[in-house]
Amino acid sequence: MREPTTDRPSPFPWPPVLLAGAIAAALVLHHYVLALPVPFAELGSVHYIGMLVLLAGIGLVLWAMLQFPRHRTSIRPDRGADALVLAGPFAFSRNPIYLGEALALVGAGVAYNMAWLVLVVPVFVGLVTHLAIVREEAYLERRFANHLPGLQGTCALLVVSIVQKGLPEGLLIIDLPEFATMSDVRVEE
């Protein structure tokens, strides 16, 4: 994978740092401040539901991560992209990795009876949206706008595209872009 341009979404790889910070904060709060239980955690089925959500989140992250080498582009959020990946889970969401991470946090919190893992999710999502998603979408629009007329506004963000669509803030929508059947769009320099 080559660096196609000096333009990049962010100079710092925020998403993995934010995920590690969310996990660390939840563990510190749980073990040193107040061990908040998950309601109904004493029921065995709640543990298994949490495990299913955790595994679904991890599965979504792995499925999305596998798309990057298949399309010969960088997965790193602080590097430029050679291709706009629209295959796999990216056909349904522009941010399946962040969505999977949020699901994994919720699932782990429920499975291991640690409510703090669930409670850090809104903070994690808000920070990822502000520090990564908004920047990544702006970068992708700059990088691929000439190759995808109508890219703007067609891909759903994890949280914030709803503001551009004029819907109530906080509503999560996932729409299929018109070009979702394309495997990827590559820019040749």
C-alpha atoms as a PDB file:
ATOM      1  CA  MET A   1       0.000   0.000   0.000  1.00  0.00           C
ATOM      2  CA  ARG A   2       1.433   3.311  -0.973  1.00  0.00           C
ATOM      3  CA  GLU A   3       0.580   6.712   0.413  1.00  0.00           C
ATOM      4  CA  PRO A   4      -1.381   8.240  -2.491  1.00  0.00           C
ATOM      5  CA  THR A   5      -1.227  11.786  -1.214  1.00  0.00           C
ATOM      6  CA  THR A   6      -0.067  13.835   1.734  1.00  0.00           C
ATOM      7  CA  ASP A   7      -3.740  14.520   2.479  1.00  0.00           C
ATOM      8  CA  ARG A   8      -5.038  12.265   5.232  1.00  0.00           C
ATOM      9  CA  PRO A   9      -8.050  12.118   7.543  1.00  0.00           C
ATOM     10  CA  SER A  10      -6.161  12.846  10.751  1.00  0.00           C
ATOM     11  CA  PRO A  11      -2.569  13.310  11.906  1.00  0.00           C
ATOM     12  CA  PHE A  12      -3.235  11.030  14.899  1.00  0.00           C
ATOM     13  CA  PRO A  13      -4.889   7.564  15.011  1.00  0.00           C
ATOM     14  CA  TRP A  14      -7.694   8.499  17.418  1.00  0.00           C
ATOM     15  CA  PRO A  15     -10.022   5.458  17.169  1.00  0.00           C
ATOM     16  CA  PRO A  16      -7.784   2.762  18.721  1.00  0.00           C
ATOM     17  CA  VAL A  17      -6.657   5.205  21.415  1.00  0.00           C
ATOM     18  CA  LEU A  18     -10.268   6.114  22.211  1.00  0.00           C
ATOM     19  CA  LEU A  19     -11.296   2.451  22.381  1.00  0.00           C
ATOM     20  CA  ALA A  20      -8.409   1.628  24.730  1.00  0.00           C
ATOM     21  CA  GLY A  21      -9.239   4.720  26.801  1.00  0.00           C
ATOM     22  CA  ALA A  22     -12.915   3.730  27.058  1.00  0.00           C
ATOM     23  CA  ILE A  23     -11.990   0.225  28.226  1.00  0.00           C
ATOM     24  CA  ALA A  24      -9.408   1.554  30.687  1.00  0.00           C
ATOM     25  CA  ALA A  25     -11.815   4.156  32.088  1.00  0.00           C
ATOM     26  CA  ALA A  26     -14.548   1.550  32.556  1.00  0.00           C
ATOM     27  CA  LEU A  27     -12.173  -0.865  34.296  1.00  0.00           C
ATOM     28  CA  VAL A  28     -10.806   1.826  36.610  1.00  0.00           C
ATOM     29  CA  LEU A  29     -14.319   3.031  37.468  1.00  0.00           C
ATOM     30  CA  HIS A  30     -15.513  -0.527  38.064  1.00  0.00           C
ATOM     31  CA  HIS A  31     -12.581  -1.690  40.199  1.00  0.00           C
ATOM     32  CA  TYR A  32     -11.622   1.493  42.062  1.00  0.00           C
ATOM     33  CA  VAL A  33     -14.680   3.757  42.212  1.00  0.00           C
ATOM     34  CA  LEU A  34     -17.950   1.841  42.165  1.00  0.00           C
ATOM     35  CA  ALA A  35     -18.679  -1.623  40.805  1.00  0.00           C
ATOM     36  CA  LEU A  36     -21.987  -1.008  39.044  1.00  0.00           C
ATOM     37  CA  PRO A  37     -23.820  -4.213  38.149  1.00  0.00           C
ATOM     38  CA  VAL A  38     -25.853  -4.683  35.014  1.00  0.00           C
ATOM     39  CA  PRO A  39     -29.588  -5.021  35.795  1.00  0.00           C
ATOM     40  CA  PHE A  40     -30.751  -8.645  35.726  1.00  0.00           C
ATOM     41  CA  ALA A  41     -27.150  -9.856  35.407  1.00  0.00           C
ATOM     42  CA  GLU A  42     -27.874 -12.667  37.842  1.00  0.00           C
ATOM     43  CA  LEU A  43     -29.956 -14.330  35.123  1.00  0.00           C
ATOM     44  CA  GLY A  44     -27.811 -16.732  33.137  1.00  0.00           C
ATOM     45  CA  SER A  45     -29.490 -15.736  29.894  1.00  0.00           C
ATOM     46  CA  VAL A  46     -28.307 -12.125  30.292  1.00  0.00           C
ATOM     47  CA  HIS A  47     -24.691 -13.330  30.316  1.00  0.00           C
ATOM     48  CA  TYR A  48     -25.252 -15.292  27.099  1.00  0.00           C
ATOM     49  CA  ILE A  49     -27.018 -12.378  25.415  1.00  0.00           C
ATOM     50  CA  GLY A  50     -24.053 -10.189  26.317  1.00  0.00           C
ATOM     51  CA  MET A  51     -21.647 -12.760  24.888  1.00  0.00           C
ATOM     52  CA  LEU A  52     -23.640 -12.887  21.641  1.00  0.00           C
ATOM     53  CA  VAL A  53     -23.537  -9.078  21.327  1.00  0.00           C
ATOM     54  CA  LEU A  54     -19.806  -9.065  22.159  1.00  0.00           C
ATOM     55  CA  LEU A  55     -19.072 -11.727  19.538  1.00  0.00           C
ATOM     56  CA  ALA A  56     -21.282  -9.961  16.971  1.00  0.00           C
ATOM     57  CA  GLY A  57     -19.357  -6.732  17.576  1.00  0.00           C
ATOM     58  CA  ILE A  58     -15.994  -8.473  17.256  1.00  0.00           C
ATOM     59  CA  GLY A  59     -17.205 -10.287  14.142  1.00  0.00           C
ATOM     60  CA  LEU A  60     -18.323  -7.027  12.540  1.00  0.00           C
ATOM     61  CA  VAL A  61     -14.966  -5.396  13.311  1.00  0.00           C
ATOM     62  CA  LEU A  62     -13.013  -8.333  11.850  1.00  0.00           C
ATOM     63  CA  TRP A  63     -15.232  -8.535   8.746  1.00  0.00           C
ATOM     64  CA  ALA A  64     -14.720  -4.819   8.127  1.00  0.00           C
ATOM     65  CA  MET A  65     -10.970  -4.983   8.783  1.00  0.00           C
ATOM     66  CA  LEU A  66     -10.560  -7.784   6.240  1.00  0.00           C
ATOM     67  CA  GLN A  67     -11.927  -5.522   3.495  1.00  0.00           C
ATOM     68  CA  PHE A  68      -8.916  -3.179   3.577  1.00  0.00           C
ATOM     69  CA  PRO A  69      -6.195  -5.605   2.435  1.00  0.00           C
ATOM     70  CA  ARG A  70      -8.608  -7.097  -0.117  1.00  0.00           C
ATOM     71  CA  HIS A  71      -8.919  -3.661  -1.715  1.00  0.00           C
ATOM     72  CA  ARG A  72      -5.241  -2.753  -1.187  1.00  0.00           C
ATOM     73  CA  THR A  73      -5.794   0.312   0.952  1.00  0.00           C
ATOM     74  CA  SER A  74      -4.732   1.382   4.417  1.00  0.00           C
ATOM     75  CA  ILE A  75      -6.826   0.584   7.465  1.00  0.00           C
ATOM     76  CA  ARG A  76      -4.989   3.154   9.559  1.00  0.00           C
ATOM     77  CA  PRO A  77      -7.140   6.187  10.384  1.00  0.00           C
ATOM     78  CA  ASP A  78      -4.097   8.478  10.139  1.00  0.00           C
ATOM     79  CA  ARG A  79      -3.146   7.425   6.585  1.00  0.00           C
ATOM     80  CA  GLY A  80      -4.495   8.334   3.193  1.00  0.00           C
ATOM     81  CA  ALA A  81      -6.607   5.880   1.217  1.00  0.00           C
ATOM     82  CA  ASP A  82      -5.933   4.315  -2.193  1.00  0.00           C
ATOM     83  CA  ALA A  83      -9.501   3.033  -2.491  1.00  0.00           C
ATOM     84  CA  LEU A  84     -12.933   3.747  -1.119  1.00  0.00           C
ATOM     85  CA  VAL A  85     -14.156   0.407   0.182  1.00  0.00           C
ATOM     86  CA  LEU A  86     -17.855  -0.184  -0.418  1.00  0.00           C
ATOM     87  CA  ALA A  87     -17.889  -3.971  -0.039  1.00  0.00           C
ATOM     88  CA  GLY A  88     -18.791  -6.182   2.894  1.00  0.00           C
ATOM     89  CA  PRO A  89     -20.173  -4.267   5.864  1.00  0.00           C
ATOM     90  CA  PHE A  90     -19.227  -0.962   4.208  1.00  0.00           C
ATOM     91  CA  ALA A  91     -22.149  -1.494   1.819  1.00  0.00           C
ATOM     92  CA  PHE A  92     -24.448  -0.913   4.805  1.00  0.00           C
ATOM     93  CA  SER A  93     -22.511   1.544   6.978  1.00  0.00           C
ATOM     94  CA  ARG A  94     -19.571   3.860   6.424  1.00  0.00           C
ATOM     95  CA  ASN A  95     -18.344   3.024   9.934  1.00  0.00           C
ATOM     96  CA  PRO A  96     -18.791  -0.679  10.682  1.00  0.00           C
ATOM     97  CA  ILE A  97     -15.569  -0.864  12.700  1.00  0.00           C
ATOM     98  CA  TYR A  98     -16.697   1.826  15.139  1.00  0.00           C
ATOM     99  CA  LEU A  99     -20.183   0.320  15.263  1.00  0.00           C
ATOM    100  CA  GLY A 100     -18.688  -3.107  16.010  1.00  0.00           C
ATOM    101  CA  GLU A 101     -16.478  -1.650  18.734  1.00  0.00           C
ATOM    102  CA  ALA A 102     -19.487   0.000  20.377  1.00  0.00           C
ATOM    103  CA  LEU A 103     -21.429  -3.282  20.200  1.00  0.00           C
ATOM    104  CA  ALA A 104     -18.454  -5.151  21.682  1.00  0.00           C
ATOM    105  CA  LEU A 105     -18.271  -2.704  24.595  1.00  0.00           C
ATOM    106  CA  VAL A 106     -21.984  -3.118  25.334  1.00  0.00           C
ATOM    107  CA  GLY A 107     -21.776  -6.892  24.966  1.00  0.00           C
ATOM    108  CA  ALA A 108     -18.727  -7.160  27.237  1.00  0.00           C
ATOM    109  CA  GLY A 109     -20.415  -4.978  29.841  1.00  0.00           C
ATOM    110  CA  VAL A 110     -23.514  -7.154  29.878  1.00  0.00           C
ATOM    111  CA  ALA A 111     -21.626 -10.460  29.657  1.00  0.00           C
ATOM    112  CA  TYR A 112     -19.222  -9.624  32.470  1.00  0.00           C
ATOM    113  CA  ASN A 113     -21.678  -7.639  34.605  1.00  0.00           C
ATOM    114  CA  MET A 114     -19.758  -4.358  34.304  1.00  0.00           C
ATOM    115  CA  ALA A 115     -22.202  -1.520  33.682  1.00  0.00           C
ATOM    116  CA  TRP A 116     -19.343   0.955  33.222  1.00  0.00           C
ATOM    117  CA  LEU A 117     -18.454  -0.722  29.913  1.00  0.00           C
ATOM    118  CA  VAL A 118     -21.988   0.067  28.741  1.00  0.00           C
ATOM    119  CA  LEU A 119     -21.999   3.580  30.204  1.00  0.00           C
ATOM    120  CA  VAL A 120     -18.779   4.642  28.431  1.00  0.00           C
ATOM    121  CA  VAL A 121     -20.267   3.828  25.009  1.00  0.00           C
ATOM    122  CA  PRO A 122     -22.005   7.216  24.466  1.00  0.00           C
ATOM    123  CA  VAL A 123     -18.779   9.026  25.362  1.00  0.00           C
ATOM    124  CA  PHE A 124     -16.770   6.718  23.081  1.00  0.00           C
ATOM    125  CA  VAL A 125     -19.217   7.210  20.188  1.00  0.00           C
ATOM    126  CA  GLY A 126     -19.286  10.993  20.694  1.00  0.00           C
ATOM    127  CA  LEU A 127     -15.492  11.267  20.731  1.00  0.00           C
ATOM    128  CA  VAL A 128     -15.045   8.916  17.758  1.00  0.00           C
ATOM    129  CA  THR A 129     -17.635  10.909  15.838  1.00  0.00           C
ATOM    130  CA  HIS A 130     -15.978  14.246  16.617  1.00  0.00           C
ATOM    131  CA  LEU A 131     -12.311  13.214  16.353  1.00  0.00           C
ATOM    132  CA  ALA A 132     -12.487  10.573  13.610  1.00  0.00           C
ATOM    133  CA  ILE A 133     -15.729  10.094  11.672  1.00  0.00           C
ATOM    134  CA  VAL A 134     -16.319  13.735  10.741  1.00  0.00           C
ATOM    135  CA  ARG A 135     -12.696  14.075   9.608  1.00  0.00           C
ATOM    136  CA  GLU A 136     -12.728  10.765   7.736  1.00  0.00           C
ATOM    137  CA  GLU A 137     -15.916  11.617   5.867  1.00  0.00           C
ATOM    138  CA  ALA A 138     -14.532  15.037   4.894  1.00  0.00           C
ATOM    139  CA  TYR A 139     -11.335  13.355   3.703  1.00  0.00           C
ATOM    140  CA  LEU A 140     -13.231  10.735   1.682  1.00  0.00           C
ATOM    141  CA  GLU A 141     -15.354  13.454   0.109  1.00  0.00           C
ATOM    142  CA  ARG A 142     -12.206  15.387  -0.891  1.00  0.00           C
ATOM    143  CA  ARG A 143     -10.397  12.280  -2.086  1.00  0.00           C
ATOM    144  CA  PHE A 144     -13.168  10.548  -4.032  1.00  0.00           C
ATOM    145  CA  ALA A 145     -15.665  13.303  -4.924  1.00  0.00           C
ATOM    146  CA  ASN A 146     -14.608  13.394  -8.596  1.00  0.00           C
ATOM    147  CA  HIS A 147     -15.054   9.633  -8.885  1.00  0.00           C
ATOM    148  CA  LEU A 148     -18.356   9.375  -7.081  1.00  0.00           C
ATOM    149  CA  PRO A 149     -20.782  12.116  -7.940  1.00  0.00           C
ATOM    150  CA  GLY A 150     -23.376  12.175  -5.225  1.00  0.00           C
ATOM    151  CA  LEU A 151     -21.100  10.717  -2.541  1.00  0.00           C
ATOM    152  CA  GLN A 152     -22.006  13.567  -0.234  1.00  0.00           C
ATOM    153  CA  GLY A 153     -24.981  12.671   1.897  1.00  0.00           C
ATOM    154  CA  THR A 154     -25.417   9.134   0.567  1.00  0.00           C
ATOM    155  CA  CYS A 155     -23.328   7.251   3.129  1.00  0.00           C
ATOM    156  CA  ALA A 156     -24.645   7.093   6.644  1.00  0.00           C
ATOM    157  CA  LEU A 157     -22.331   8.014   9.473  1.00  0.00           C
ATOM    158  CA  LEU A 158     -22.453   6.223  12.781  1.00  0.00           C
ATOM    159  CA  VAL A 159     -24.142   9.194  14.442  1.00  0.00           C
ATOM    160  CA  VAL A 160     -23.813  12.562  12.769  1.00  0.00           C
ATOM    161  CA  SER A 161     -25.089  12.244   9.194  1.00  0.00           C
ATOM    162  CA  ILE A 162     -28.566  12.653  10.575  1.00  0.00           C
ATOM    163  CA  VAL A 163     -27.887  16.336  11.168  1.00  0.00           C
ATOM    164  CA  GLN A 164     -27.119  16.801   7.451  1.00  0.00           C
ATOM    165  CA  LYS A 165     -30.315  14.960   6.535  1.00  0.00           C
ATOM    166  CA  GLY A 166     -32.406  17.233   8.745  1.00  0.00           C
ATOM    167  CA  LEU A 167     -33.583  14.478  11.088  1.00  0.00           C
ATOM    168  CA  PRO A 168     -33.744  14.762  14.877  1.00  0.00           C
ATOM    169  CA  GLU A 169     -30.303  14.603  16.476  1.00  0.00           C
ATOM    170  CA  GLY A 170     -29.477  11.219  17.968  1.00  0.00           C
ATOM    171  CA  LEU A 171     -31.480   9.179  15.449  1.00  0.00           C
ATOM    172  CA  LEU A 172     -29.371   6.453  13.861  1.00  0.00           C
ATOM    173  CA  ILE A 173     -30.130   5.660  10.254  1.00  0.00           C
ATOM    174  CA  ILE A 174     -28.297   3.427   7.862  1.00  0.00           C
ATOM    175  CA  ASP A 175     -29.040   3.864   4.197  1.00  0.00           C
ATOM    176  CA  LEU A 176     -27.701   1.932   1.250  1.00  0.00           C
ATOM    177  CA  PRO A 177     -25.764   4.134  -1.135  1.00  0.00           C
ATOM    178  CA  GLU A 178     -26.680   3.918  -4.807  1.00  0.00           C
ATOM    179  CA  PHE A 179     -23.222   2.544  -5.502  1.00  0.00           C
ATOM    180  CA  ALA A 180     -23.282  -0.118  -2.751  1.00  0.00           C
ATOM    181  CA  THR A 181     -22.933  -2.890  -5.310  1.00  0.00           C
ATOM    182  CA  MET A 182     -19.533  -1.645  -6.449  1.00  0.00           C
ATOM    183  CA  SER A 183     -16.671  -3.531  -4.825  1.00  0.00           C
ATOM    184  CA  ASP A 184     -14.530  -0.427  -4.480  1.00  0.00           C
ATOM    185  CA  VAL A 185     -13.506   2.763  -6.162  1.00  0.00           C
ATOM    186  CA  ARG A 186      -9.802   3.158  -6.823  1.00  0.00           C
ATOM    187  CA  VAL A 187      -8.064   6.404  -7.644  1.00  0.00           C
ATOM    188  CA  GLU A 188      -5.153   6.013 -10.011  1.00  0.00           C
ATOM    189  CA  GLU A 189      -2.660   8.857  -9.865  1.00  0.00           C
END
